[in-house]
Amino acid sequence: MKKNKIIFWVSTGLLSGMMLMSGGLYLSQNPSITDGLKTLGYPPYMLYILGVSKLLAAAALLQPMFPRLREWAYAGLTFTFLGAFISHAATSTPFIAPLVFTAVLAVSWVYNNRLQSAMA
């Protein structure tokens, strides 16, 4: 049980940290992020939608009181990462980062489920 908690919190902390940093870069209109979205063909307002969504997802993953909210964050991030992968693959831009994020998300989700089932 202790190993499961450690793996869950390390993967969730890493994922949340990546999303907090990413959301901050999106909302601050970092030039490299802005240029990347232009390359992918997305409009500038997507910076705000994705930035706020990533910050909210990070907060939802870190809170322990509402497991249903955490599940929605996992679902939203799954769609975000898969969409990012497809967008990058379709435009022949590097697509490894979305796959890495998806792998860390999967580890967090699996160990979240293990901890939830152990508590039931």
PDB file of N, CA and C in Angstrom:
ATOM      1  N   MET A   1       0.833  -1.197   0.000  1.00  0.00           N
ATOM      2  CA  MET A   1       0.000   0.000   0.000  1.00  0.00           C
ATOM      3  C   MET A   1       0.872   1.254   0.000  1.00  0.00           C
ATOM      4  N   LYS A   2       1.964   1.224   0.775  1.00  0.00           N
ATOM      5  CA  LYS A   2       2.829   2.389   0.851  1.00  0.00           C
ATOM      6  C   LYS A   2       3.507   2.656  -0.498  1.00  0.00           C
ATOM      7  N   LYS A   3       3.931   1.573  -1.180  1.00  0.00           N
ATOM      8  CA  LYS A   3       4.547   1.717  -2.504  1.00  0.00           C
ATOM      9  C   LYS A   3       3.558   2.352  -3.480  1.00  0.00           C
ATOM     10  N   ASN A   4       2.301   1.909  -3.428  1.00  0.00           N
ATOM     11  CA  ASN A   4       1.274   2.462  -4.316  1.00  0.00           C
ATOM     12  C   ASN A   4       1.075   3.952  -4.070  1.00  0.00           C
ATOM     13  N   LYS A   5       1.058   4.354  -2.793  1.00  0.00           N
ATOM     14  CA  LYS A   5       0.893   5.773  -2.470  1.00  0.00           C
ATOM     15  C   LYS A   5       2.070   6.598  -2.983  1.00  0.00           C
ATOM     16  N   ILE A   6       3.273   6.065  -2.828  1.00  0.00           N
ATOM     17  CA  ILE A   6       4.454   6.799  -3.294  1.00  0.00           C
ATOM     18  C   ILE A   6       4.420   6.967  -4.805  1.00  0.00           C
ATOM     19  N   ILE A   7       4.141   5.876  -5.513  1.00  0.00           N
ATOM     20  CA  ILE A   7       4.089   5.954  -6.978  1.00  0.00           C
ATOM     21  C   ILE A   7       2.979   6.906  -7.418  1.00  0.00           C
ATOM     22  N   PHE A   8       1.815   6.825  -6.766  1.00  0.00           N
ATOM     23  CA  PHE A   8       0.713   7.721  -7.119  1.00  0.00           C
ATOM     24  C   PHE A   8       1.108   9.181  -6.920  1.00  0.00           C
ATOM     25  N   TRP A   9       1.633   9.519  -5.741  1.00  0.00           N
ATOM     26  CA  TRP A   9       1.918  10.924  -5.458  1.00  0.00           C
ATOM     27  C   TRP A   9       3.104  11.457  -6.262  1.00  0.00           C
ATOM     28  N   VAL A  10       4.074  10.628  -6.561  1.00  0.00           N
ATOM     29  CA  VAL A  10       5.192  11.084  -7.400  1.00  0.00           C
ATOM     30  C   VAL A  10       4.704  11.355  -8.821  1.00  0.00           C
ATOM     31  N   SER A  11       3.947  10.408  -9.390  1.00  0.00           N
ATOM     32  CA  SER A  11       3.459  10.614 -10.757  1.00  0.00           C
ATOM     33  C   SER A  11       2.446  11.753 -10.821  1.00  0.00           C
ATOM     34  N   THR A  12       1.567  11.855  -9.842  1.00  0.00           N
ATOM     35  CA  THR A  12       0.572  12.927  -9.826  1.00  0.00           C
ATOM     36  C   THR A  12       1.235  14.278  -9.598  1.00  0.00           C
ATOM     37  N   GLY A  13       2.210  14.326  -8.704  1.00  0.00           N
ATOM     38  CA  GLY A  13       2.937  15.576  -8.472  1.00  0.00           C
ATOM     39  C   GLY A  13       3.701  16.019  -9.708  1.00  0.00           C
ATOM     40  N   LEU A  14       4.339  15.066 -10.384  1.00  0.00           N
ATOM     41  CA  LEU A  14       5.065  15.382 -11.613  1.00  0.00           C
ATOM     42  C   LEU A  14       4.111  15.888 -12.687  1.00  0.00           C
ATOM     43  N   LEU A  15       3.009  15.189 -12.866  1.00  0.00           N
ATOM     44  CA  LEU A  15       2.016  15.592 -13.863  1.00  0.00           C
ATOM     45  C   LEU A  15       1.427  16.955 -13.531  1.00  0.00           C
ATOM     46  N   SER A  16       1.064  17.171 -12.281  1.00  0.00           N
ATOM     47  CA  SER A  16       0.483  18.459 -11.880  1.00  0.00           C
ATOM     48  C   SER A  16       1.495  19.588 -12.047  1.00  0.00           C
ATOM     49  N   GLY A  17       2.735  19.326 -11.703  1.00  0.00           N
ATOM     50  CA  GLY A  17       3.778  20.337 -11.900  1.00  0.00           C
ATOM     51  C   GLY A  17       3.946  20.698 -13.368  1.00  0.00           C
ATOM     52  N   MET A  18       3.919  19.676 -14.239  1.00  0.00           N
ATOM     53  CA  MET A  18       4.027  19.933 -15.678  1.00  0.00           C
ATOM     54  C   MET A  18       2.834  20.753 -16.165  1.00  0.00           C
ATOM     55  N   MET A  19       1.649  20.448 -15.656  1.00  0.00           N
ATOM     56  CA  MET A  19       0.454  21.179 -16.086  1.00  0.00           C
ATOM     57  C   MET A  19       0.430  22.605 -15.528  1.00  0.00           C
ATOM     58  N   LEU A  20       0.895  22.791 -14.303  1.00  0.00           N
ATOM     59  CA  LEU A  20       0.974  24.152 -13.748  1.00  0.00           C
ATOM     60  C   LEU A  20       1.941  25.007 -14.557  1.00  0.00           C
ATOM     61  N   MET A  21       3.091  24.429 -14.881  1.00  0.00           N
ATOM     62  CA  MET A  21       4.077  25.169 -15.663  1.00  0.00           C
ATOM     63  C   MET A  21       3.548  25.444 -17.081  1.00  0.00           C
ATOM     64  N   SER A  22       2.975  24.433 -17.687  1.00  0.00           N
ATOM     65  CA  SER A  22       2.434  24.582 -19.035  1.00  0.00           C
ATOM     66  C   SER A  22       1.294  25.595 -19.065  1.00  0.00           C
ATOM     67  N   GLY A  23       0.371  25.497 -18.110  1.00  0.00           N
ATOM     68  CA  GLY A  23      -0.745  26.443 -18.047  1.00  0.00           C
ATOM     69  C   GLY A  23      -0.262  27.865 -17.852  1.00  0.00           C
ATOM     70  N   GLY A  24       0.758  28.044 -17.018  1.00  0.00           N
ATOM     71  CA  GLY A  24       1.335  29.374 -16.815  1.00  0.00           C
ATOM     72  C   GLY A  24       1.955  29.920 -18.080  1.00  0.00           C
ATOM     73  N   LEU A  25       2.665  29.065 -18.814  1.00  0.00           N
ATOM     74  CA  LEU A  25       3.268  29.507 -20.080  1.00  0.00           C
ATOM     75  C   LEU A  25       2.199  29.879 -21.103  1.00  0.00           C
ATOM     76  N   TYR A  26       1.123  29.127 -21.136  1.00  0.00           N
ATOM     77  CA  TYR A  26       0.034  29.443 -22.065  1.00  0.00           C
ATOM     78  C   TYR A  26      -0.601  30.790 -21.710  1.00  0.00           C
ATOM     79  N   LEU A  27      -0.891  30.993 -20.432  1.00  0.00           N
ATOM     80  CA  LEU A  27      -1.571  32.223 -20.022  1.00  0.00           C
ATOM     81  C   LEU A  27      -0.674  33.448 -20.105  1.00  0.00           C
ATOM     82  N   SER A  28       0.630  33.254 -19.988  1.00  0.00           N
ATOM     83  CA  SER A  28       1.556  34.390 -20.110  1.00  0.00           C
ATOM     84  C   SER A  28       1.890  34.687 -21.564  1.00  0.00           C
ATOM     85  N   GLN A  29       1.309  33.927 -22.467  1.00  0.00           N
ATOM     86  CA  GLN A  29       1.526  34.085 -23.909  1.00  0.00           C
ATOM     87  C   GLN A  29       3.004  34.013 -24.259  1.00  0.00           C
ATOM     88  N   ASN A  30       3.653  32.990 -23.726  1.00  0.00           N
ATOM     89  CA  ASN A  30       5.057  32.741 -24.029  1.00  0.00           C
ATOM     90  C   ASN A  30       5.232  32.643 -25.542  1.00  0.00           C
ATOM     91  N   PRO A  31       6.207  33.364 -26.105  1.00  0.00           N
ATOM     92  CA  PRO A  31       6.363  33.378 -27.571  1.00  0.00           C
ATOM     93  C   PRO A  31       6.552  31.990 -28.192  1.00  0.00           C
ATOM     94  N   SER A  32       7.263  31.095 -27.529  1.00  0.00           N
ATOM     95  CA  SER A  32       7.457  29.769 -28.119  1.00  0.00           C
ATOM     96  C   SER A  32       6.141  28.984 -28.147  1.00  0.00           C
ATOM     97  N   ILE A  33       5.311  29.172 -27.133  1.00  0.00           N
ATOM     98  CA  ILE A  33       3.998  28.505 -27.112  1.00  0.00           C
ATOM     99  C   ILE A  33       3.092  29.110 -28.180  1.00  0.00           C
ATOM    100  N   THR A  34       3.088  30.433 -28.270  1.00  0.00           N
ATOM    101  CA  THR A  34       2.267  31.124 -29.268  1.00  0.00           C
ATOM    102  C   THR A  34       2.662  30.699 -30.683  1.00  0.00           C
ATOM    103  N   ASP A  35       3.963  30.653 -30.949  1.00  0.00           N
ATOM    104  CA  ASP A  35       4.436  30.230 -32.272  1.00  0.00           C
ATOM    105  C   ASP A  35       4.071  28.771 -32.550  1.00  0.00           C
ATOM    106  N   GLY A  36       4.160  27.939 -31.507  1.00  0.00           N
ATOM    107  CA  GLY A  36       3.813  26.528 -31.674  1.00  0.00           C
ATOM    108  C   GLY A  36       2.350  26.337 -32.031  1.00  0.00           C
ATOM    109  N   LEU A  37       1.478  27.099 -31.383  1.00  0.00           N
ATOM    110  CA  LEU A  37       0.052  26.990 -31.710  1.00  0.00           C
ATOM    111  C   LEU A  37      -0.239  27.479 -33.122  1.00  0.00           C
ATOM    112  N   LYS A  38       0.478  28.534 -33.546  1.00  0.00           N
ATOM    113  CA  LYS A  38       0.309  29.009 -34.930  1.00  0.00           C
ATOM    114  C   LYS A  38       0.734  27.936 -35.921  1.00  0.00           C
ATOM    115  N   THR A  39       1.845  27.252 -35.617  1.00  0.00           N
ATOM    116  CA  THR A  39       2.331  26.184 -36.491  1.00  0.00           C
ATOM    117  C   THR A  39       1.314  25.054 -36.603  1.00  0.00           C
ATOM    118  N   LEU A  40       0.639  24.772 -35.500  1.00  0.00           N
ATOM    119  CA  LEU A  40      -0.366  23.717 -35.504  1.00  0.00           C
ATOM    120  C   LEU A  40      -1.680  24.164 -36.143  1.00  0.00           C
ATOM    121  N   GLY A  41      -1.820  25.475 -36.366  1.00  0.00           N
ATOM    122  CA  GLY A  41      -3.020  25.988 -37.012  1.00  0.00           C
ATOM    123  C   GLY A  41      -4.137  26.371 -36.061  1.00  0.00           C
ATOM    124  N   TYR A  42      -3.819  26.536 -34.780  1.00  0.00           N
ATOM    125  CA  TYR A  42      -4.837  26.908 -33.801  1.00  0.00           C
ATOM    126  C   TYR A  42      -4.928  28.419 -33.651  1.00  0.00           C
ATOM    127  N   PRO A  43      -6.121  28.941 -33.354  1.00  0.00           N
ATOM    128  CA  PRO A  43      -6.280  30.386 -33.158  1.00  0.00           C
ATOM    129  C   PRO A  43      -5.683  30.810 -31.802  1.00  0.00           C
ATOM    130  N   PRO A  44      -5.342  32.093 -31.666  1.00  0.00           N
ATOM    131  CA  PRO A  44      -4.699  32.575 -30.433  1.00  0.00           C
ATOM    132  C   PRO A  44      -5.524  32.385 -29.159  1.00  0.00           C
ATOM    133  N   TYR A  45      -6.848  32.403 -29.261  1.00  0.00           N
ATOM    134  CA  TYR A  45      -7.662  32.267 -28.043  1.00  0.00           C
ATOM    135  C   TYR A  45      -7.528  30.882 -27.411  1.00  0.00           C
ATOM    136  N   MET A  46      -6.983  29.914 -28.130  1.00  0.00           N
ATOM    137  CA  MET A  46      -6.766  28.586 -27.559  1.00  0.00           C
ATOM    138  C   MET A  46      -5.755  28.628 -26.416  1.00  0.00           C
ATOM    139  N   LEU A  47      -4.883  29.653 -26.422  1.00  0.00           N
ATOM    140  CA  LEU A  47      -3.937  29.813 -25.309  1.00  0.00           C
ATOM    141  C   LEU A  47      -4.676  29.899 -23.983  1.00  0.00           C
ATOM    142  N   TYR A  48      -5.733  30.681 -23.948  1.00  0.00           N
ATOM    143  CA  TYR A  48      -6.481  30.888 -22.713  1.00  0.00           C
ATOM    144  C   TYR A  48      -7.279  29.648 -22.319  1.00  0.00           C
ATOM    145  N   ILE A  49      -7.916  29.014 -23.304  1.00  0.00           N
ATOM    146  CA  ILE A  49      -8.715  27.819 -23.019  1.00  0.00           C
ATOM    147  C   ILE A  49      -7.820  26.714 -22.460  1.00  0.00           C
ATOM    148  N   LEU A  50      -6.718  26.449 -23.141  1.00  0.00           N
ATOM    149  CA  LEU A  50      -5.822  25.387 -22.691  1.00  0.00           C
ATOM    150  C   LEU A  50      -5.106  25.758 -21.397  1.00  0.00           C
ATOM    151  N   GLY A  51      -4.711  27.012 -21.263  1.00  0.00           N
ATOM    152  CA  GLY A  51      -4.014  27.441 -20.055  1.00  0.00           C
ATOM    153  C   GLY A  51      -4.862  27.286 -18.809  1.00  0.00           C
ATOM    154  N   VAL A  52      -6.081  27.788 -18.860  1.00  0.00           N
ATOM    155  CA  VAL A  52      -6.986  27.679 -17.707  1.00  0.00           C
ATOM    156  C   VAL A  52      -7.331  26.212 -17.447  1.00  0.00           C
ATOM    157  N   SER A  53      -7.576  25.445 -18.500  1.00  0.00           N
ATOM    158  CA  SER A  53      -7.924  24.029 -18.344  1.00  0.00           C
ATOM    159  C   SER A  53      -6.800  23.247 -17.667  1.00  0.00           C
ATOM    160  N   LYS A  54      -5.573  23.531 -18.041  1.00  0.00           N
ATOM    161  CA  LYS A  54      -4.439  22.823 -17.440  1.00  0.00           C
ATOM    162  C   LYS A  54      -4.265  23.190 -15.973  1.00  0.00           C
ATOM    163  N   LEU A  55      -4.467  24.445 -15.635  1.00  0.00           N
ATOM    164  CA  LEU A  55      -4.364  24.851 -14.232  1.00  0.00           C
ATOM    165  C   LEU A  55      -5.461  24.206 -13.387  1.00  0.00           C
ATOM    166  N   LEU A  56      -6.679  24.194 -13.910  1.00  0.00           N
ATOM    167  CA  LEU A  56      -7.783  23.563 -13.183  1.00  0.00           C
ATOM    168  C   LEU A  56      -7.582  22.055 -13.040  1.00  0.00           C
ATOM    169  N   ALA A  57      -7.067  21.421 -14.085  1.00  0.00           N
ATOM    170  CA  ALA A  57      -6.811  19.981 -14.018  1.00  0.00           C
ATOM    171  C   ALA A  57      -5.742  19.662 -12.973  1.00  0.00           C
ATOM    172  N   ALA A  58      -4.695  20.481 -12.902  1.00  0.00           N
ATOM    173  CA  ALA A  58      -3.646  20.263 -11.901  1.00  0.00           C
ATOM    174  C   ALA A  58      -4.224  20.370 -10.496  1.00  0.00           C
ATOM    175  N   ALA A  59      -5.055  21.357 -10.271  1.00  0.00           N
ATOM    176  CA  ALA A  59      -5.682  21.524  -8.952  1.00  0.00           C
ATOM    177  C   ALA A  59      -6.598  20.343  -8.634  1.00  0.00           C
ATOM    178  N   ALA A  60      -7.344  19.869  -9.624  1.00  0.00           N
ATOM    179  CA  ALA A  60      -8.262  18.744  -9.411  1.00  0.00           C
ATOM    180  C   ALA A  60      -7.505  17.456  -9.102  1.00  0.00           C
ATOM    181  N   LEU A  61      -6.353  17.270  -9.722  1.00  0.00           N
ATOM    182  CA  LEU A  61      -5.564  16.064  -9.457  1.00  0.00           C
ATOM    183  C   LEU A  61      -4.974  16.062  -8.055  1.00  0.00           C
ATOM    184  N   LEU A  62      -4.633  17.223  -7.551  1.00  0.00           N
ATOM    185  CA  LEU A  62      -3.965  17.314  -6.257  1.00  0.00           C
ATOM    186  C   LEU A  62      -4.923  17.273  -5.069  1.00  0.00           C
ATOM    187  N   GLN A  63      -6.177  17.585  -5.285  1.00  0.00           N
ATOM    188  CA  GLN A  63      -7.126  17.614  -4.162  1.00  0.00           C
ATOM    189  C   GLN A  63      -7.590  16.187  -3.854  1.00  0.00           C
ATOM    190  N   PRO A  64      -7.683  15.837  -2.562  1.00  0.00           N
ATOM    191  CA  PRO A  64      -8.069  14.474  -2.204  1.00  0.00           C
ATOM    192  C   PRO A  64      -9.554  14.288  -1.871  1.00  0.00           C
ATOM    193  N   MET A  65     -10.330  15.354  -1.815  1.00  0.00           N
ATOM    194  CA  MET A  65     -11.689  15.257  -1.277  1.00  0.00           C
ATOM    195  C   MET A  65     -12.751  14.841  -2.298  1.00  0.00           C
ATOM    196  N   PHE A  66     -12.529  15.094  -3.570  1.00  0.00           N
ATOM    197  CA  PHE A  66     -13.554  14.840  -4.579  1.00  0.00           C
ATOM    198  C   PHE A  66     -13.013  13.904  -5.659  1.00  0.00           C
ATOM    199  N   PRO A  67     -13.132  12.594  -5.455  1.00  0.00           N
ATOM    200  CA  PRO A  67     -12.583  11.645  -6.435  1.00  0.00           C
ATOM    201  C   PRO A  67     -13.230  11.761  -7.817  1.00  0.00           C
ATOM    202  N   ARG A  68     -14.491  12.136  -7.872  1.00  0.00           N
ATOM    203  CA  ARG A  68     -15.151  12.289  -9.181  1.00  0.00           C
ATOM    204  C   ARG A  68     -14.536  13.443  -9.967  1.00  0.00           C
ATOM    205  N   LEU A  69     -14.189  14.513  -9.287  1.00  0.00           N
ATOM    206  CA  LEU A  69     -13.530  15.649  -9.935  1.00  0.00           C
ATOM    207  C   LEU A  69     -12.172  15.233 -10.493  1.00  0.00           C
ATOM    208  N   ARG A  70     -11.458  14.413  -9.738  1.00  0.00           N
ATOM    209  CA  ARG A  70     -10.157  13.912 -10.202  1.00  0.00           C
ATOM    210  C   ARG A  70     -10.341  13.072 -11.461  1.00  0.00           C
ATOM    211  N   GLU A  71     -11.383  12.244 -11.499  1.00  0.00           N
ATOM    212  CA  GLU A  71     -11.648  11.429 -12.690  1.00  0.00           C
ATOM    213  C   GLU A  71     -11.921  12.301 -13.915  1.00  0.00           C
ATOM    214  N   TRP A  72     -12.654  13.390 -13.715  1.00  0.00           N
ATOM    215  CA  TRP A  72     -12.909  14.309 -14.827  1.00  0.00           C
ATOM    216  C   TRP A  72     -11.608  14.959 -15.304  1.00  0.00           C
ATOM    217  N   ALA A  73     -10.719  15.258 -14.372  1.00  0.00           N
ATOM    218  CA  ALA A  73      -9.423  15.827 -14.760  1.00  0.00           C
ATOM    219  C   ALA A  73      -8.616  14.814 -15.571  1.00  0.00           C
ATOM    220  N   TYR A  74      -8.640  13.547 -15.150  1.00  0.00           N
ATOM    221  CA  TYR A  74      -7.948  12.516 -15.928  1.00  0.00           C
ATOM    222  C   TYR A  74      -8.519  12.429 -17.339  1.00  0.00           C
ATOM    223  N   ALA A  75      -9.840  12.465 -17.447  1.00  0.00           N
ATOM    224  CA  ALA A  75     -10.477  12.383 -18.760  1.00  0.00           C
ATOM    225  C   ALA A  75     -10.111  13.596 -19.623  1.00  0.00           C
ATOM    226  N   GLY A  76     -10.196  14.791 -19.046  1.00  0.00           N
ATOM    227  CA  GLY A  76      -9.876  15.995 -19.809  1.00  0.00           C
ATOM    228  C   GLY A  76      -8.431  16.020 -20.273  1.00  0.00           C
ATOM    229  N   LEU A  77      -7.522  15.607 -19.399  1.00  0.00           N
ATOM    230  CA  LEU A  77      -6.107  15.588 -19.798  1.00  0.00           C
ATOM    231  C   LEU A  77      -5.834  14.512 -20.841  1.00  0.00           C
ATOM    232  N   THR A  78      -6.559  13.403 -20.763  1.00  0.00           N
ATOM    233  CA  THR A  78      -6.402  12.369 -21.789  1.00  0.00           C
ATOM    234  C   THR A  78      -6.778  12.921 -23.158  1.00  0.00           C
ATOM    235  N   PHE A  79      -7.912  13.608 -23.236  1.00  0.00           N
ATOM    236  CA  PHE A  79      -8.325  14.214 -24.506  1.00  0.00           C
ATOM    237  C   PHE A  79      -7.323  15.275 -24.962  1.00  0.00           C
ATOM    238  N   THR A  80      -6.827  16.063 -24.026  1.00  0.00           N
ATOM    239  CA  THR A  80      -5.856  17.109 -24.360  1.00  0.00           C
ATOM    240  C   THR A  80      -4.588  16.504 -24.940  1.00  0.00           C
ATOM    241  N   PHE A  81      -4.050  15.477 -24.280  1.00  0.00           N
ATOM    242  CA  PHE A  81      -2.795  14.878 -24.726  1.00  0.00           C
ATOM    243  C   PHE A  81      -2.955  14.115 -26.037  1.00  0.00           C
ATOM    244  N   LEU A  82      -4.061  13.400 -26.183  1.00  0.00           N
ATOM    245  CA  LEU A  82      -4.292  12.698 -27.442  1.00  0.00           C
ATOM    246  C   LEU A  82      -4.496  13.685 -28.588  1.00  0.00           C
ATOM    247  N   GLY A  83      -5.220  14.764 -28.324  1.00  0.00           N
ATOM    248  CA  GLY A  83      -5.386  15.806 -29.340  1.00  0.00           C
ATOM    249  C   GLY A  83      -4.060  16.453 -29.711  1.00  0.00           C
ATOM    250  N   ALA A  84      -3.221  16.677 -28.715  1.00  0.00           N
ATOM    251  CA  ALA A  84      -1.904  17.258 -28.979  1.00  0.00           C
ATOM    252  C   ALA A  84      -1.057  16.305 -29.819  1.00  0.00           C
ATOM    253  N   PHE A  85      -1.102  15.022 -29.479  1.00  0.00           N
ATOM    254  CA  PHE A  85      -0.354  14.035 -30.257  1.00  0.00           C
ATOM    255  C   PHE A  85      -0.802  14.029 -31.713  1.00  0.00           C
ATOM    256  N   ILE A  86      -2.114  13.978 -31.923  1.00  0.00           N
ATOM    257  CA  ILE A  86      -2.646  13.945 -33.290  1.00  0.00           C
ATOM    258  C   ILE A  86      -2.300  15.225 -34.039  1.00  0.00           C
ATOM    259  N   SER A  87      -2.422  16.372 -33.375  1.00  0.00           N
ATOM    260  CA  SER A  87      -2.101  17.643 -34.021  1.00  0.00           C
ATOM    261  C   SER A  87      -0.638  17.699 -34.432  1.00  0.00           C
ATOM    262  N   HIS A  88       0.235  17.272 -33.549  1.00  0.00           N
ATOM    263  CA  HIS A  88       1.668  17.291 -33.866  1.00  0.00           C
ATOM    264  C   HIS A  88       2.007  16.285 -34.958  1.00  0.00           C
ATOM    265  N   ALA A  89       1.439  15.098 -34.884  1.00  0.00           N
ATOM    266  CA  ALA A  89       1.711  14.089 -35.906  1.00  0.00           C
ATOM    267  C   ALA A  89       1.207  14.535 -37.277  1.00  0.00           C
ATOM    268  N   ALA A  90       0.045  15.196 -37.299  1.00  0.00           N
ATOM    269  CA  ALA A  90      -0.540  15.640 -38.562  1.00  0.00           C
ATOM    270  C   ALA A  90       0.258  16.771 -39.206  1.00  0.00           C
ATOM    271  N   THR A  91       0.967  17.555 -38.395  1.00  0.00           N
ATOM    272  CA  THR A  91       1.732  18.680 -38.920  1.00  0.00           C
ATOM    273  C   THR A  91       3.232  18.384 -38.968  1.00  0.00           C
ATOM    274  N   SER A  92       3.593  17.133 -38.737  1.00  0.00           N
ATOM    275  CA  SER A  92       5.000  16.699 -38.761  1.00  0.00           C
ATOM    276  C   SER A  92       5.883  17.512 -37.824  1.00  0.00           C
ATOM    277  N   THR A  93       5.348  17.850 -36.657  1.00  0.00           N
ATOM    278  CA  THR A  93       6.134  18.511 -35.615  1.00  0.00           C
ATOM    279  C   THR A  93       6.395  17.474 -34.516  1.00  0.00           C
ATOM    280  N   PRO A  94       7.381  17.720 -33.654  1.00  0.00           N
ATOM    281  CA  PRO A  94       7.717  16.718 -32.629  1.00  0.00           C
ATOM    282  C   PRO A  94       6.513  16.361 -31.744  1.00  0.00           C
ATOM    283  N   PHE A  95       6.286  15.061 -31.596  1.00  0.00           N
ATOM    284  CA  PHE A  95       5.106  14.604 -30.869  1.00  0.00           C
ATOM    285  C   PHE A  95       5.447  13.725 -29.664  1.00  0.00           C
ATOM    286  N   ILE A  96       6.686  13.715 -29.243  1.00  0.00           N
ATOM    287  CA  ILE A  96       7.095  12.865 -28.124  1.00  0.00           C
ATOM    288  C   ILE A  96       6.534  13.379 -26.793  1.00  0.00           C
ATOM    289  N   ALA A  97       6.535  14.693 -26.566  1.00  0.00           N
ATOM    290  CA  ALA A  97       6.082  15.254 -25.288  1.00  0.00           C
ATOM    291  C   ALA A  97       4.650  14.832 -24.938  1.00  0.00           C
ATOM    292  N   PRO A  98       3.690  14.912 -25.864  1.00  0.00           N
ATOM    293  CA  PRO A  98       2.337  14.455 -25.499  1.00  0.00           C
ATOM    294  C   PRO A  98       2.293  12.972 -25.117  1.00  0.00           C
ATOM    295  N   LEU A  99       3.150  12.167 -25.728  1.00  0.00           N
ATOM    296  CA  LEU A  99       3.189  10.751 -25.377  1.00  0.00           C
ATOM    297  C   LEU A  99       3.766  10.538 -23.978  1.00  0.00           C
ATOM    298  N   VAL A 100       4.786  11.319 -23.627  1.00  0.00           N
ATOM    299  CA  VAL A 100       5.367  11.237 -22.287  1.00  0.00           C
ATOM    300  C   VAL A 100       4.331  11.671 -21.251  1.00  0.00           C
ATOM    301  N   PHE A 101       3.638  12.779 -21.524  1.00  0.00           N
ATOM    302  CA  PHE A 101       2.589  13.253 -20.607  1.00  0.00           C
ATOM    303  C   PHE A 101       1.505  12.190 -20.443  1.00  0.00           C
ATOM    304  N   THR A 102       1.138  11.526 -21.541  1.00  0.00           N
ATOM    305  CA  THR A 102       0.109  10.485 -21.481  1.00  0.00           C
ATOM    306  C   THR A 102       0.577   9.304 -20.631  1.00  0.00           C
ATOM    307  N   ALA A 103       1.841   8.943 -20.747  1.00  0.00           N
ATOM    308  CA  ALA A 103       2.382   7.834 -19.951  1.00  0.00           C
ATOM    309  C   ALA A 103       2.353   8.175 -18.461  1.00  0.00           C
ATOM    310  N   VAL A 104       2.768   9.391 -18.102  1.00  0.00           N
ATOM    311  CA  VAL A 104       2.745   9.800 -16.691  1.00  0.00           C
ATOM    312  C   VAL A 104       1.301   9.858 -16.198  1.00  0.00           C
ATOM    313  N   LEU A 105       0.399  10.351 -17.033  1.00  0.00           N
ATOM    314  CA  LEU A 105      -1.022  10.387 -16.690  1.00  0.00           C
ATOM    315  C   LEU A 105      -1.557   8.978 -16.435  1.00  0.00           C
ATOM    316  N   ALA A 106      -1.174   8.031 -17.273  1.00  0.00           N
ATOM    317  CA  ALA A 106      -1.636   6.652 -17.125  1.00  0.00           C
ATOM    318  C   ALA A 106      -1.145   6.048 -15.809  1.00  0.00           C
ATOM    319  N   VAL A 107       0.102   6.300 -15.455  1.00  0.00           N
ATOM    320  CA  VAL A 107       0.632   5.780 -14.191  1.00  0.00           C
ATOM    321  C   VAL A 107      -0.156   6.370 -13.019  1.00  0.00           C
ATOM    322  N   SER A 108      -0.379   7.670 -13.043  1.00  0.00           N
ATOM    323  CA  SER A 108      -1.137   8.319 -11.983  1.00  0.00           C
ATOM    324  C   SER A 108      -2.542   7.740 -11.887  1.00  0.00           C
ATOM    325  N   TRP A 109      -3.200   7.548 -13.020  1.00  0.00           N
ATOM    326  CA  TRP A 109      -4.563   7.023 -13.041  1.00  0.00           C
ATOM    327  C   TRP A 109      -4.626   5.603 -12.498  1.00  0.00           C
ATOM    328  N   VAL A 110      -3.695   4.743 -12.935  1.00  0.00           N
ATOM    329  CA  VAL A 110      -3.675   3.349 -12.484  1.00  0.00           C
ATOM    330  C   VAL A 110      -3.499   3.283 -10.970  1.00  0.00           C
ATOM    331  N   TYR A 111      -2.556   4.051 -10.443  1.00  0.00           N
ATOM    332  CA  TYR A 111      -2.305   3.990  -9.006  1.00  0.00           C
ATOM    333  C   TYR A 111      -3.387   4.706  -8.202  1.00  0.00           C
ATOM    334  N   ASN A 112      -4.036   5.679  -8.788  1.00  0.00           N
ATOM    335  CA  ASN A 112      -5.202   6.278  -8.132  1.00  0.00           C
ATOM    336  C   ASN A 112      -6.290   5.220  -7.970  1.00  0.00           C
ATOM    337  N   ASN A 113      -6.539   4.456  -9.021  1.00  0.00           N
ATOM    338  CA  ASN A 113      -7.558   3.409  -8.960  1.00  0.00           C
ATOM    339  C   ASN A 113      -7.184   2.317  -7.965  1.00  0.00           C
ATOM    340  N   ARG A 114      -5.913   1.970  -7.900  1.00  0.00           N
ATOM    341  CA  ARG A 114      -5.483   0.968  -6.927  1.00  0.00           C
ATOM    342  C   ARG A 114      -5.716   1.459  -5.495  1.00  0.00           C
ATOM    343  N   LEU A 115      -5.402   2.712  -5.255  1.00  0.00           N
ATOM    344  CA  LEU A 115      -5.615   3.262  -3.903  1.00  0.00           C
ATOM    345  C   LEU A 115      -7.099   3.369  -3.574  1.00  0.00           C
ATOM    346  N   GLN A 116      -7.902   3.767  -4.555  1.00  0.00           N
ATOM    347  CA  GLN A 116      -9.346   3.880  -4.315  1.00  0.00           C
ATOM    348  C   GLN A 116      -9.971   2.504  -4.030  1.00  0.00           C
ATOM    349  N   SER A 117      -9.546   1.491  -4.760  1.00  0.00           N
ATOM    350  CA  SER A 117     -10.122   0.155  -4.541  1.00  0.00           C
ATOM    351  C   SER A 117      -9.640  -0.445  -3.217  1.00  0.00           C
ATOM    352  N   ALA A 118      -8.447  -0.090  -2.789  1.00  0.00           N
ATOM    353  CA  ALA A 118      -7.947  -0.579  -1.504  1.00  0.00           C
ATOM    354  C   ALA A 118      -8.694   0.067  -0.339  1.00  0.00           C
ATOM    355  N   MET A 119      -9.197   1.273  -0.547  1.00  0.00           N
ATOM    356  CA  MET A 119      -9.926   1.976   0.508  1.00  0.00           C
ATOM    357  C   MET A 119     -11.381   1.525   0.594  1.00  0.00           C
ATOM    358  N   ALA A 120     -11.886   0.919  -0.478  1.00  0.00           N
ATOM    359  CA  ALA A 120     -13.307   0.510  -0.516  1.00  0.00           C
ATOM    360  C   ALA A 120     -13.559  -0.760   0.244  1.00  0.00           C
TER     361      ALA A 120
END
